[in-house]
Amino acid sequence: MNHDPIIKEIHAFRKAYAKRFGYDLKAICDDLRTRQAARPNLVDLSEKRRAMGEATVDQISATEAHEEAHTARVLSSQTASPTV
């Protein structure tokens, strides 16, 4: 089996980190929450999200128009051909 050195390093770090807290999940989570609260948000995606939201609205409108046209074609083909 091929062992990736990066995966080995991650496992070693995770094991050492858990050992620091006596493998207590609550203590580990408390430490992670404290670390998270101490760091400011490093990335502001608000502008990108706004741009993506506008694109999404346009994409939804195009998709809805396509679906309506498809539904109309299906319905017209069903009414045009008699069922046996």
Protein backbone atom coordinates (compact mmCIF):
# COMPACT_ATOMS: atom_id res chain seq x y z
CA MET A 1 0.00 0.00 0.00
CA ASN A 2 1.33 3.44 -0.95
CA HIS A 3 1.58 5.76 2.05
CA ASP A 4 1.50 9.47 1.28
CA PRO A 5 3.96 11.42 3.48
CA ILE A 6 1.55 14.35 3.70
CA ILE A 7 -1.21 12.09 5.03
CA LYS A 8 1.25 10.61 7.53
CA GLU A 9 2.15 14.13 8.68
CA ILE A 10 -1.52 15.07 9.09
CA HIS A 11 -2.20 11.92 11.11
CA ALA A 12 0.83 12.56 13.33
CA PHE A 13 -0.23 16.17 13.96
CA ARG A 14 -3.82 15.14 14.69
CA LYS A 15 -2.67 12.46 17.12
CA ALA A 16 -0.30 14.86 18.93
CA TYR A 17 -3.01 17.54 19.09
CA ALA A 18 -5.55 15.11 20.56
CA LYS A 19 -2.97 13.80 23.03
CA ARG A 20 -2.39 17.37 24.30
CA PHE A 21 -6.01 17.37 25.49
CA GLY A 22 -6.06 13.81 26.76
CA TYR A 23 -8.19 12.79 23.75
CA ASP A 24 -11.07 14.76 25.32
CA LEU A 25 -13.29 15.86 22.43
CA LYS A 26 -14.93 18.65 24.45
CA ALA A 27 -11.52 20.11 25.36
CA ILE A 28 -10.38 19.88 21.74
CA CYS A 29 -13.53 21.66 20.53
CA ASP A 30 -13.18 24.34 23.21
CA ASP A 31 -9.60 24.98 22.08
CA LEU A 32 -10.65 25.20 18.43
CA ARG A 33 -13.47 27.63 19.28
CA THR A 34 -11.04 29.79 21.27
CA ARG A 35 -8.56 29.82 18.38
CA GLN A 36 -11.32 30.66 15.91
CA ALA A 37 -12.60 33.55 18.04
CA ALA A 38 -9.09 34.97 18.40
CA ARG A 39 -8.54 35.24 14.64
CA PRO A 40 -10.31 37.80 12.50
CA ASN A 41 -11.96 36.69 9.31
CA LEU A 42 -9.19 36.72 6.76
CA VAL A 43 -11.32 36.67 3.61
CA ASP A 44 -14.24 38.92 2.71
CA LEU A 45 -16.38 37.16 0.12
CA SER A 46 -19.34 39.53 0.36
CA GLU A 47 -18.57 41.23 -2.98
CA LYS A 48 -18.03 37.91 -4.71
CA ARG A 49 -21.23 36.49 -3.21
CA ARG A 50 -23.23 39.47 -4.45
CA ALA A 51 -21.85 38.98 -7.95
CA MET A 52 -22.57 35.26 -7.79
CA GLY A 53 -26.08 35.95 -6.51
CA GLU A 54 -26.85 38.16 -9.51
CA ALA A 55 -25.50 35.53 -11.88
CA THR A 56 -27.54 32.90 -10.11
CA VAL A 57 -30.74 34.90 -10.57
CA ASP A 58 -29.98 35.21 -14.29
CA GLN A 59 -29.23 31.51 -14.52
CA ILE A 60 -32.46 30.63 -12.71
CA SER A 61 -34.48 32.83 -15.08
CA ALA A 62 -32.89 31.18 -18.11
CA THR A 63 -33.44 27.72 -16.66
CA GLU A 64 -37.08 28.45 -15.88
CA ALA A 65 -37.67 29.76 -19.41
CA HIS A 66 -36.03 26.64 -20.87
CA GLU A 67 -38.12 24.34 -18.65
CA GLU A 68 -41.34 26.15 -19.57
CA ALA A 69 -40.56 25.82 -23.29
CA HIS A 70 -39.76 22.13 -22.84
CA THR A 71 -42.98 21.52 -20.90
CA ALA A 72 -44.99 23.29 -23.61
CA ARG A 73 -43.38 21.10 -26.31
CA VAL A 74 -44.07 17.92 -24.34
CA LEU A 75 -47.68 18.88 -23.68
CA SER A 76 -48.31 19.82 -27.30
CA SER A 77 -46.80 16.54 -28.54
CA GLN A 78 -48.96 14.56 -26.09
CA THR A 79 -52.18 16.23 -27.20
CA ALA A 80 -51.26 15.89 -30.90
CA SER A 81 -50.74 12.11 -30.82
CA PRO A 82 -53.69 9.95 -29.83
CA THR A 83 -53.17 7.32 -27.14
CA VAL A 84 -54.05 3.74 -27.99
